[in-house]
Amino acid sequence: MGSMGEFEDGGTAEFEGYVEAPVGVIGHADRAEPLRDYCLGLMMLVARKSVEPLAAVTAPERVSA
């Protein structure tokens, strides 16, 4: 999977189960990975929980400088 990698506690399967429902209803396959990244970012220790700071942490290769 994209930028998610593995959770330190091995919770990758649980995370996938959590995001499976919203990914199933967003309507476009190309939105699935960004949605997963956003959900992952919400769980991370990031000072600001808005889209740009979360993207910088979860998918830095897709964020413009």
Protein backbone atom coordinates (compact mmCIF):
# COMPACT_ATOMS: atom_id res chain seq x y z
CA MET A 1 0.00 0.00 0.00
CA GLY A 2 1.08 3.60 -0.64
CA SER A 3 2.64 5.51 2.20
CA MET A 4 1.00 3.77 5.12
CA GLY A 5 3.65 1.13 5.75
CA GLU A 6 3.29 -0.94 8.90
CA PHE A 7 2.05 0.17 12.28
CA GLU A 8 4.48 -0.33 15.13
CA ASP A 9 1.97 -2.47 17.03
CA GLY A 10 0.98 -4.53 13.97
CA GLY A 11 -2.43 -2.85 13.61
CA THR A 12 -2.33 -2.67 9.82
CA ALA A 13 -5.21 -5.14 9.34
CA GLU A 14 -7.35 -3.32 11.90
CA PHE A 15 -6.68 0.01 10.19
CA GLU A 16 -7.61 -1.43 6.79
CA GLY A 17 -10.83 -2.77 8.29
CA TYR A 18 -11.62 0.67 9.68
CA VAL A 19 -11.13 2.54 6.39
CA GLU A 20 -12.73 -0.16 4.22
CA ALA A 21 -16.26 1.24 4.67
CA PRO A 22 -15.54 4.88 3.72
CA VAL A 23 -13.26 3.79 0.86
CA GLY A 24 -16.13 1.68 -0.44
CA VAL A 25 -18.48 4.65 -0.73
CA ILE A 26 -16.26 7.45 -2.05
CA GLY A 27 -17.00 6.46 -5.62
CA HIS A 28 -13.59 6.75 -7.27
CA ALA A 29 -10.74 4.26 -6.94
CA ASP A 30 -8.16 7.05 -7.30
CA ARG A 31 -9.46 8.61 -4.05
CA ALA A 32 -8.89 5.49 -1.93
CA GLU A 33 -5.20 6.02 -1.16
CA PRO A 34 -5.58 9.72 -0.28
CA LEU A 35 -8.48 8.80 2.04
CA ARG A 36 -6.35 6.14 3.74
CA ASP A 37 -3.52 8.66 4.11
CA TYR A 38 -5.90 11.24 5.59
CA CYS A 39 -7.30 8.76 8.14
CA LEU A 40 -3.78 7.68 9.04
CA GLY A 41 -2.72 11.30 9.45
CA LEU A 42 -5.59 11.94 11.84
CA MET A 43 -4.17 9.27 14.13
CA MET A 44 -0.60 10.60 13.98
CA LEU A 45 0.99 13.05 16.38
CA VAL A 46 0.83 16.11 14.14
CA ALA A 47 0.37 19.60 15.59
CA ARG A 48 -2.19 20.72 12.99
CA LYS A 49 -4.85 18.26 11.80
CA SER A 50 -5.59 20.00 8.51
CA VAL A 51 -5.05 18.59 5.03
CA GLU A 52 -1.70 20.20 4.18
CA PRO A 53 0.21 19.22 7.35
CA LEU A 54 -1.26 15.70 7.21
CA ALA A 55 -0.25 15.33 3.56
CA ALA A 56 3.28 16.51 4.36
CA VAL A 57 3.60 13.67 6.89
CA THR A 58 1.77 10.84 5.12
CA ALA A 59 2.63 11.55 1.45
CA PRO A 60 5.52 14.03 1.23
CA GLU A 61 6.28 13.02 -2.35
CA ARG A 62 2.89 14.38 -3.43
CA VAL A 63 3.15 17.75 -1.64
CA SER A 64 4.53 20.76 -3.48
CA ALA A 65 7.35 22.68 -1.84
